[in-house]
Protein backbone atom coordinates (compact mmCIF):
# COMPACT_ATOMS: atom_id res chain seq x y z
CA UNK A 1 -10.98 104.41 -50.19
CA UNK A 2 -10.37 102.26 -47.22
CA UNK A 3 -13.02 99.82 -45.91
CA UNK A 4 -13.52 96.24 -44.74
CA UNK A 5 -15.12 93.11 -46.08
CA UNK A 6 -16.21 90.78 -43.56
CA UNK A 7 -17.96 87.26 -44.05
CA UNK A 8 -19.13 85.90 -40.33
CA UNK A 9 -19.87 82.38 -41.19
CA UNK A 10 -18.51 80.73 -44.08
CA UNK A 11 -21.38 78.30 -44.97
CA UNK A 12 -20.58 74.77 -46.65
CA UNK A 13 -17.10 73.68 -44.89
CA UNK A 14 -16.15 71.38 -42.34
CA UNK A 15 -16.08 73.52 -39.40
CA UNK A 16 -16.56 76.99 -38.31
CA UNK A 17 -14.51 80.06 -40.02
CA UNK A 18 -15.07 83.44 -41.15
CA UNK A 19 -13.33 86.06 -43.41
CA UNK A 20 -12.03 89.51 -42.94
CA UNK A 21 -10.21 91.65 -45.29
CA UNK A 22 -8.96 95.29 -45.61
CA UNK A 23 -10.04 96.99 -48.97
CA UNK A 24 -8.43 99.88 -50.54
CA UNK A 25 -9.53 101.28 -53.84
CA UNK A 26 -11.45 97.91 -54.18
CA UNK A 27 -8.58 95.64 -54.03
CA UNK A 28 -8.04 93.39 -50.96
CA UNK A 29 -4.88 94.09 -49.05
CA UNK A 30 -4.89 91.89 -46.09
CA UNK A 31 -7.21 89.00 -45.92
CA UNK A 32 -7.32 86.63 -43.09
CA UNK A 33 -9.40 83.27 -42.87
CA UNK A 34 -10.78 83.48 -39.13
CA UNK A 35 -11.12 80.32 -37.46
CA UNK A 36 -14.27 80.32 -34.72
CA UNK A 37 -13.43 77.15 -33.10
CA UNK A 38 -11.27 76.51 -29.64
CA UNK A 39 -8.02 74.84 -29.82
CA UNK A 40 -8.93 70.98 -29.28
CA UNK A 41 -5.41 70.15 -27.97
CA UNK A 42 -5.22 66.57 -29.32
CA UNK A 43 -1.59 66.46 -29.48
CA UNK A 44 -1.07 67.50 -25.53
CA UNK A 45 -3.91 64.86 -25.00
CA UNK A 46 -1.87 62.16 -26.91
CA UNK A 47 1.56 62.51 -25.12
CA UNK A 48 2.51 60.44 -22.29
CA UNK A 49 -0.43 57.77 -23.52
CA UNK A 50 0.34 54.25 -24.58
CA UNK A 51 1.13 53.69 -28.49
CA UNK A 52 -1.91 51.73 -28.80
CA UNK A 53 -4.00 54.62 -28.01
CA UNK A 54 -2.68 56.86 -30.50
CA UNK A 55 -4.46 55.64 -33.61
CA UNK A 56 -7.83 55.31 -31.89
CA UNK A 57 -7.79 58.56 -30.37
CA UNK A 58 -6.19 60.31 -33.41
CA UNK A 59 -8.67 59.19 -35.89
CA UNK A 60 -11.34 61.10 -33.73
CA UNK A 61 -9.98 64.21 -34.91
CA UNK A 62 -12.08 64.20 -38.23
CA UNK A 63 -15.47 62.49 -38.60
CA UNK A 64 -15.21 62.98 -42.48
CA UNK A 65 -11.27 61.67 -42.67
CA UNK A 66 -10.64 59.03 -39.96
CA UNK A 67 -9.17 56.72 -42.00
CA UNK A 68 -6.61 58.65 -42.77
CA UNK A 69 -5.29 60.05 -39.27
CA UNK A 70 -5.60 56.62 -38.32
CA UNK A 71 -3.32 54.92 -41.17
CA UNK A 72 -0.92 57.84 -41.02
CA UNK A 73 -0.14 57.53 -37.35
CA UNK A 74 0.02 53.89 -37.57
CA UNK A 75 2.80 54.55 -40.34
CA UNK A 76 4.55 56.95 -37.95
CA UNK A 77 4.46 54.46 -34.90
CA UNK A 78 5.59 51.67 -37.42
CA UNK A 79 8.62 54.02 -38.61
CA UNK A 80 9.57 54.50 -35.00
CA UNK A 81 9.70 51.14 -33.89
CA UNK A 82 11.23 49.99 -37.29
CA UNK A 83 7.96 47.36 -38.23
CA UNK A 84 7.91 46.27 -41.61
CA UNK A 85 4.40 45.24 -42.77
CA UNK A 86 3.47 42.94 -45.48
CA UNK A 87 2.39 43.82 -48.97
CA UNK A 88 -1.17 42.62 -48.47
CA UNK A 89 -1.24 45.06 -45.59
CA UNK A 90 -0.23 47.85 -47.64
CA UNK A 91 -2.88 46.95 -50.55
CA UNK A 92 -5.69 46.90 -47.63
CA UNK A 93 -4.50 50.30 -46.46
CA UNK A 94 -4.47 51.57 -49.98
CA UNK A 95 -7.85 50.41 -50.57
CA UNK A 96 -9.13 51.96 -47.56
CA UNK A 97 -7.46 55.19 -48.44
CA UNK A 98 -9.21 55.03 -51.90
CA UNK A 99 -12.58 54.84 -50.11
CA UNK A 100 -11.45 57.95 -48.02
CA UNK A 101 -10.64 60.03 -50.72
CA UNK A 102 -13.87 59.11 -52.57
CA UNK A 103 -16.26 59.50 -49.76
CA UNK A 104 -14.93 62.99 -48.91
CA UNK A 105 -14.76 64.27 -52.51
CA UNK A 106 -18.32 63.05 -53.13
CA UNK A 107 -19.76 64.87 -50.35
CA UNK A 108 -17.51 68.18 -50.94
CA UNK A 109 -18.36 68.33 -54.61
CA UNK A 110 -22.12 68.34 -54.86
CA UNK A 111 -23.22 69.60 -51.40
CA UNK A 112 -20.63 72.13 -50.71
CA UNK A 113 -19.24 73.55 -53.88
CA UNK A 114 -21.69 72.80 -56.91
CA UNK A 115 -24.37 75.26 -55.60
CA UNK A 116 -21.66 78.24 -56.10
CA UNK A 117 -21.87 77.71 -59.79
CA UNK A 118 -25.58 77.92 -59.99
CA UNK A 119 -26.26 80.83 -57.37
CA UNK A 120 -27.99 78.20 -55.40
CA UNK A 121 -28.16 78.51 -51.68
CA UNK A 122 -30.54 75.59 -50.37
CA UNK A 123 -29.33 72.20 -50.66
CA UNK A 124 -32.98 71.16 -51.32
CA UNK A 125 -33.12 73.46 -54.18
CA UNK A 126 -29.89 72.34 -55.74
CA UNK A 127 -31.03 68.23 -55.45
CA UNK A 128 -34.39 69.14 -57.13
CA UNK A 129 -32.62 70.81 -59.98
CA UNK A 130 -30.24 68.00 -60.28
CA UNK A 131 -31.82 64.73 -59.10
CA UNK A 132 -29.48 62.59 -61.21
CA UNK A 133 -26.02 64.37 -60.20
CA UNK A 134 -27.72 63.86 -56.92
CA UNK A 135 -28.20 60.02 -57.12
CA UNK A 136 -24.62 59.55 -58.36
CA UNK A 137 -23.14 61.40 -55.81
CA UNK A 138 -24.98 59.30 -53.06
CA UNK A 139 -24.17 55.90 -54.87
CA UNK A 140 -20.80 57.03 -55.12
CA UNK A 141 -20.14 57.77 -51.19
CA UNK A 142 -22.34 54.55 -50.42
CA UNK A 143 -19.90 52.58 -52.38
CA UNK A 144 -16.72 54.26 -50.54
CA UNK A 145 -18.42 53.88 -47.42
CA UNK A 146 -19.00 50.21 -48.24
CA UNK A 147 -15.21 49.47 -48.83
CA UNK A 148 -14.68 51.28 -45.36
CA UNK A 149 -17.24 49.09 -43.99
CA UNK A 150 -15.66 45.78 -45.21
CA UNK A 151 -12.11 46.30 -45.01
CA UNK A 152 -11.97 48.47 -41.95
CA UNK A 153 -14.79 46.73 -40.04
CA UNK A 154 -17.10 49.91 -40.30
CA UNK A 155 -17.97 52.98 -42.47
CA UNK A 156 -16.66 55.75 -39.96
CA UNK A 157 -13.60 55.15 -37.45
CA UNK A 158 -12.13 51.98 -38.48
CA UNK A 159 -11.33 48.83 -36.08
CA UNK A 160 -9.53 46.43 -38.02
CA UNK A 161 -6.16 48.05 -38.95
CA UNK A 162 -3.37 47.93 -36.40
CA UNK A 163 0.23 48.86 -36.07
CA UNK A 164 1.83 45.75 -38.18
CA UNK A 165 -0.95 44.82 -39.91
CA UNK A 166 -4.81 44.13 -39.68
CA UNK A 167 -6.93 42.53 -36.72
CA UNK A 168 -9.06 40.85 -39.05
CA UNK A 169 -8.96 40.52 -42.54
CA UNK A 170 -11.72 40.75 -45.14
CA UNK A 171 -13.19 37.65 -46.52
CA UNK A 172 -13.12 36.56 -49.91
CA UNK A 173 -16.76 36.34 -50.59
CA UNK A 174 -16.96 40.09 -49.34
CA UNK A 175 -14.09 41.36 -51.54
CA UNK A 176 -15.96 39.72 -54.76
CA UNK A 177 -19.32 41.61 -53.78
CA UNK A 178 -17.31 44.61 -53.59
CA UNK A 179 -15.65 44.48 -56.73
CA UNK A 180 -19.16 43.89 -58.17
CA UNK A 181 -20.22 47.02 -56.49
CA UNK A 182 -17.28 48.95 -57.44
CA UNK A 183 -17.73 48.20 -61.15
CA UNK A 184 -21.29 48.98 -61.03
CA UNK A 185 -20.84 52.61 -59.32
CA UNK A 186 -17.68 53.32 -62.08
CA UNK A 187 -20.33 54.55 -65.01
CA UNK A 188 -21.87 56.87 -62.54
CA UNK A 189 -18.29 58.06 -61.13
CA UNK A 190 -17.36 58.82 -64.71
CA UNK A 191 -20.76 61.02 -65.05
CA UNK A 192 -20.40 62.76 -62.04
CA UNK A 193 -16.78 63.52 -62.92
CA UNK A 194 -17.67 64.88 -66.31
CA UNK A 195 -20.52 67.16 -64.96
CA UNK A 196 -17.44 69.23 -63.21
CA UNK A 197 -15.86 69.23 -66.55
CA UNK A 198 -18.83 71.41 -67.75
CA UNK A 199 -19.19 73.99 -64.98
CA UNK A 200 -17.98 77.45 -65.68
CA UNK A 201 -15.02 78.27 -63.69
CA UNK A 202 -13.70 81.42 -62.57
CA UNK A 203 -11.09 82.88 -64.13
CA UNK A 204 -8.42 83.74 -61.86
CA UNK A 205 -4.57 82.94 -61.77
CA UNK A 206 -1.53 83.00 -59.28
CA UNK A 207 1.27 80.89 -59.63
CA UNK A 208 2.35 78.90 -56.01
CA UNK A 209 4.47 75.95 -54.91
CA UNK A 210 2.30 72.72 -55.26
CA UNK A 211 3.08 69.95 -52.68
CA UNK A 212 2.26 66.34 -52.39
CA UNK A 213 3.57 62.63 -52.40
CA UNK A 214 5.30 61.24 -55.69
CA UNK A 215 5.80 57.78 -56.56
CA UNK A 216 7.50 56.94 -59.57
CA UNK A 217 5.25 53.61 -60.20
CA UNK A 218 1.86 54.97 -59.35
CA UNK A 219 -0.20 58.07 -58.57
CA UNK A 220 1.47 59.12 -55.43
CA UNK A 221 -1.18 58.78 -52.16
CA UNK A 222 0.20 56.34 -49.87
CA UNK A 223 4.08 56.36 -49.88
CA UNK A 224 6.94 58.10 -51.79
CA UNK A 225 8.66 61.53 -51.60
CA UNK A 226 7.84 65.45 -51.40
CA UNK A 227 9.92 67.59 -53.78
CA UNK A 228 12.15 64.96 -54.27
CA UNK A 229 12.86 64.55 -50.47
CA UNK A 230 12.40 61.60 -48.21
CA UNK A 231 9.27 62.79 -45.69
CA UNK A 232 11.54 63.27 -42.63
CA UNK A 233 13.88 65.45 -44.65
CA UNK A 234 11.10 67.45 -46.02
CA UNK A 235 9.62 68.42 -42.32
CA UNK A 236 12.66 69.42 -41.49
CA UNK A 237 12.41 72.24 -44.03
CA UNK A 238 8.70 73.23 -43.17
CA UNK A 239 8.24 76.24 -41.10
CA UNK A 240 5.16 76.17 -38.62
CA UNK A 241 3.99 79.75 -37.61
CA UNK A 242 1.32 80.39 -34.96
CA UNK A 243 0.20 84.09 -34.59
CA UNK A 244 -0.94 85.14 -30.84
CA UNK A 245 -4.73 85.93 -32.35
CA UNK A 246 -5.19 82.58 -33.80
CA UNK A 247 -5.67 79.14 -32.48
CA UNK A 248 -4.39 77.52 -35.89
CA UNK A 249 -0.94 77.38 -37.25
CA UNK A 250 0.17 78.39 -40.81
CA UNK A 251 3.06 76.53 -42.67
CA UNK A 252 5.67 77.52 -45.11
CA UNK A 253 8.00 75.96 -47.39
CA UNK A 254 10.17 78.21 -49.35
CA UNK A 255 6.76 80.16 -49.18
CA UNK A 256 3.44 79.53 -48.77
CA UNK A 257 2.24 76.42 -50.77
CA UNK A 258 -1.04 74.25 -51.59
CA UNK A 259 -1.77 70.64 -51.03
CA UNK A 260 -4.41 68.92 -52.14
CA UNK A 261 -6.05 67.38 -55.41
CA UNK A 262 -4.95 70.14 -57.95
CA UNK A 263 -1.67 69.85 -56.89
CA UNK A 264 -1.82 66.03 -57.12
CA UNK A 265 -3.25 66.06 -60.48
CA UNK A 266 -0.53 68.77 -61.68
CA UNK A 267 2.35 66.67 -60.43
CA UNK A 268 1.06 63.02 -60.76
CA UNK A 269 -1.10 62.82 -63.97
CA UNK A 270 1.06 60.70 -65.85
CA UNK A 271 -0.34 58.03 -63.39
CA UNK A 272 -3.92 58.46 -63.63
CA UNK A 273 -6.08 55.29 -64.35
CA UNK A 274 -7.56 54.96 -67.98
CA UNK A 275 -10.96 56.38 -67.40
CA UNK A 276 -9.35 59.38 -65.10
CA UNK A 277 -6.67 60.06 -67.77
CA UNK A 278 -9.30 60.38 -70.22
CA UNK A 279 -11.64 62.78 -68.57
CA UNK A 280 -8.25 64.74 -67.42
CA UNK A 281 -7.20 65.23 -70.97
CA UNK A 282 -10.49 65.93 -72.06
CA UNK A 283 -11.10 68.62 -69.29
CA UNK A 284 -8.10 70.92 -70.30
CA UNK A 285 -7.25 71.41 -66.74
CA UNK A 286 -3.65 71.21 -67.35
CA UNK A 287 -4.08 75.13 -68.86
CA UNK A 288 -5.48 76.02 -65.19
CA UNK A 289 -3.22 74.32 -62.71
CA UNK A 290 -2.66 77.86 -60.97
CA UNK A 291 -6.45 78.62 -60.76
CA UNK A 292 -7.12 77.27 -57.22
CA UNK A 293 -10.94 77.14 -58.41
CA UNK A 294 -10.16 73.87 -60.48
CA UNK A 295 -9.23 72.02 -57.21
CA UNK A 296 -13.15 71.19 -57.37
CA UNK A 297 -12.62 69.76 -60.87
CA UNK A 298 -9.46 67.95 -59.88
CA UNK A 299 -11.20 66.36 -56.91
CA UNK A 300 -14.21 64.96 -59.41
CA UNK A 301 -10.97 63.45 -61.76
CA UNK A 302 -9.93 61.65 -58.65
CA UNK A 303 -13.09 60.41 -57.67
CA UNK A 304 -12.87 58.23 -60.88
CA UNK A 305 -9.19 57.82 -60.71
CA UNK A 306 -9.49 56.26 -56.97
CA UNK A 307 -12.58 54.05 -57.81
CA UNK A 308 -10.80 52.53 -60.56
CA UNK A 309 -7.83 52.13 -58.27
CA UNK A 310 -9.88 50.52 -55.93
CA UNK A 311 -11.26 47.91 -58.29
CA UNK A 312 -7.66 47.51 -59.39
CA UNK A 313 -6.48 46.86 -55.80
CA UNK A 314 -9.44 44.24 -55.10
CA UNK A 315 -8.48 42.38 -58.24
CA UNK A 316 -5.14 42.02 -57.14
CA UNK A 317 -6.14 41.13 -53.71
CA UNK A 318 -8.20 38.21 -55.16
CA UNK A 319 -5.95 37.15 -57.66
CA UNK A 320 -3.08 36.52 -55.02
CA UNK A 321 -5.48 35.22 -52.23
CA UNK A 322 -6.09 36.07 -48.89
CA UNK A 323 -3.20 35.19 -46.46
CA UNK A 324 -3.96 34.58 -42.92
CA UNK A 325 -1.17 36.74 -41.49
CA UNK A 326 -0.55 36.23 -37.42
CA UNK A 327 -0.22 39.65 -35.86
CA UNK A 328 3.53 39.93 -34.04
CA UNK A 329 3.94 41.25 -30.77
CA UNK A 330 5.25 44.81 -30.87
CA UNK A 331 8.73 45.24 -29.23
CA UNK A 332 8.96 48.99 -27.97
CA UNK A 333 12.23 50.96 -28.07
CA UNK A 334 12.96 54.70 -27.97
CA UNK A 335 12.49 55.93 -31.51
CA UNK A 336 11.00 58.95 -33.71
CA UNK A 337 9.10 58.01 -36.57
CA UNK A 338 7.43 60.18 -39.49
CA UNK A 339 4.24 59.15 -41.49
CA UNK A 340 2.67 60.74 -44.50
CA UNK A 341 -0.48 59.98 -46.35
CA UNK A 342 -2.43 61.80 -49.01
CA UNK A 343 -5.82 62.88 -47.52
CA UNK A 344 -8.64 64.21 -49.43
CA UNK A 345 -7.44 67.91 -48.73
CA UNK A 346 -3.80 67.24 -49.31
CA UNK A 347 -0.75 65.78 -47.36
CA UNK A 348 -1.04 64.78 -43.92
CA UNK A 349 2.08 64.07 -41.61
CA UNK A 350 2.22 62.86 -38.22
CA UNK A 351 5.62 63.14 -36.17
CA UNK A 352 5.68 60.75 -33.38
CA UNK A 353 8.28 60.06 -30.75
CA UNK A 354 7.98 56.71 -28.57
CA UNK A 355 9.78 55.33 -25.80
CA UNK A 356 10.92 51.88 -24.74
CA UNK A 357 8.18 51.82 -22.19
CA UNK A 358 5.41 52.04 -25.05
CA UNK A 359 4.63 55.66 -24.42
CA UNK A 360 4.31 58.53 -26.85
CA UNK A 361 6.51 61.16 -25.31
CA UNK A 362 6.26 63.58 -28.43
CA UNK A 363 3.96 64.28 -31.32
CA UNK A 364 3.33 66.86 -33.93
CA UNK A 365 0.59 66.67 -36.45
CA UNK A 366 0.22 68.79 -39.88
CA UNK A 367 -2.72 68.79 -41.18
CA UNK A 368 -3.53 69.79 -44.90
CA UNK A 369 -5.92 72.58 -44.11
CA UNK A 370 -3.11 73.91 -41.76
CA UNK A 371 -0.73 74.02 -44.78
CA UNK A 372 -3.26 75.49 -47.06
CA UNK A 373 -4.47 78.58 -45.05
CA UNK A 374 -1.46 80.70 -45.81
CA UNK A 375 -1.63 80.20 -49.44
CA UNK A 376 -5.29 80.60 -49.58
CA UNK A 377 -4.77 84.05 -47.77
CA UNK A 378 -2.43 84.99 -50.52
CA UNK A 379 -4.69 84.04 -53.28
CA UNK A 380 -7.59 86.20 -51.56
CA UNK A 381 -5.35 89.10 -51.32
CA UNK A 382 -4.38 88.87 -55.02
CA UNK A 383 -8.02 88.72 -55.88
CA UNK A 384 -8.19 91.72 -58.06
CA UNK A 385 -6.61 89.57 -60.47
CA UNK A 386 -10.04 87.61 -60.85
CA UNK A 387 -11.82 88.45 -63.94
CA UNK A 388 -14.40 91.27 -63.60
CA UNK A 389 -13.63 91.91 -59.97
CA UNK A 390 -13.98 95.63 -59.94
CA UNK A 391 -17.50 94.97 -61.72
CA UNK A 392 -18.74 93.22 -58.48
CA UNK A 393 -20.86 94.48 -56.07
CA UNK A 394 -20.04 93.74 -52.34
CA UNK A 395 -22.25 90.89 -51.93
CA UNK A 396 -20.75 89.35 -55.45
CA UNK A 397 -17.46 89.80 -54.15
CA UNK A 398 -18.31 87.95 -50.77
CA UNK A 399 -19.82 85.52 -53.11
CA UNK A 400 -16.61 84.79 -54.95
CA UNK A 401 -14.32 84.88 -52.06
CA UNK A 402 -16.60 82.04 -50.16
CA UNK A 403 -16.66 80.13 -53.37
CA UNK A 404 -12.57 80.51 -53.34
CA UNK A 405 -12.44 79.33 -49.64
CA UNK A 406 -15.05 76.27 -50.51
CA UNK A 407 -12.53 75.36 -53.62
CA UNK A 408 -9.69 74.22 -51.21
CA UNK A 409 -12.34 72.17 -49.20
CA UNK A 410 -11.13 73.38 -45.84
CA UNK A 411 -11.27 71.34 -42.57
CA UNK A 412 -11.30 73.42 -39.55
CA UNK A 413 -11.84 70.75 -37.39
CA UNK A 414 -8.55 69.35 -38.60
CA UNK A 415 -6.92 72.72 -38.10
CA UNK A 416 -7.95 73.28 -34.78
CA UNK A 417 -6.56 69.50 -33.60
């Protein structure tokens, strides 16, 4: 028996996508995530523009993750121009990244994925049924946005970071206030993470390559290597493929691979902060590393981890004191630089070539969702391994497919950059 299964609109993801698959004897034989948005051509728009315009425009790729686009493009420019930034600048950028990941995860976890576990379609119904958990998510996200506001100049689309440093530094009293807010939010972040440890995750397993930044001193998110390789060397091994029928590329390393919270937890868990580490151990997630549904739980653990990390960084900055740093004049030259930072959904890459005239001559952006699409489709093609798959009716199968897609937390807007 041959049939097709189609989901015309996948709700509760960032952007617009649908799903189409061929079904043979009840099994998915060919799965395709179809992007329903046009190409945005941001890379083309940025070519032949001034270097200083790159971070400002690139951060507009995504309204949920503008910070990581901004900072990754800045890192790539600095690499191309040979600019070394101060330890204080790195700490402030890391603090901004903590806010980015916390904000995105808290939004996705409660308002995009949580309803799948309870058979709830309406967010209003979810909020009524779980008011306390909703209040936790809102408070956590408000705290993350407060970090972005104080360090980056505003909650969305930062103003203060720049190539070589910061245009404006936070005040001591603002950091002290921020520290109190973060400490006050930490109990809610722990409760929020523990809420996701208690959910009934679908049983499924398919081994795949997991990719993320690694740092031998901390939970990798701002710098480090990938699979033992320097970032530029790793990118040489990435194969980007674009088919005529799709505006979105797929990427391959040895084969398809996954990026995001679950790969980070699997590879970097020894560097989790104390509360997150305790939740990690108690959750038993290490027994489910190759079940992509557990990306949801990994995100929840990261919420606690990165709030702890933010508190730690703020403490370090306050202890050392904010040092006024003069922004040096940028000396342009011909060069090529690569930047990589862990976005909420996985590793984000910027590969930029610049000229001595201060122009971006070439640019390649590889977003997490672009990297995840091929692996997600392979997971879905292997979906007969899902427990009780053959007992599900067509609507139940569609629900499980959409649930897995949401577990990957795709950003179609970034994918169509």
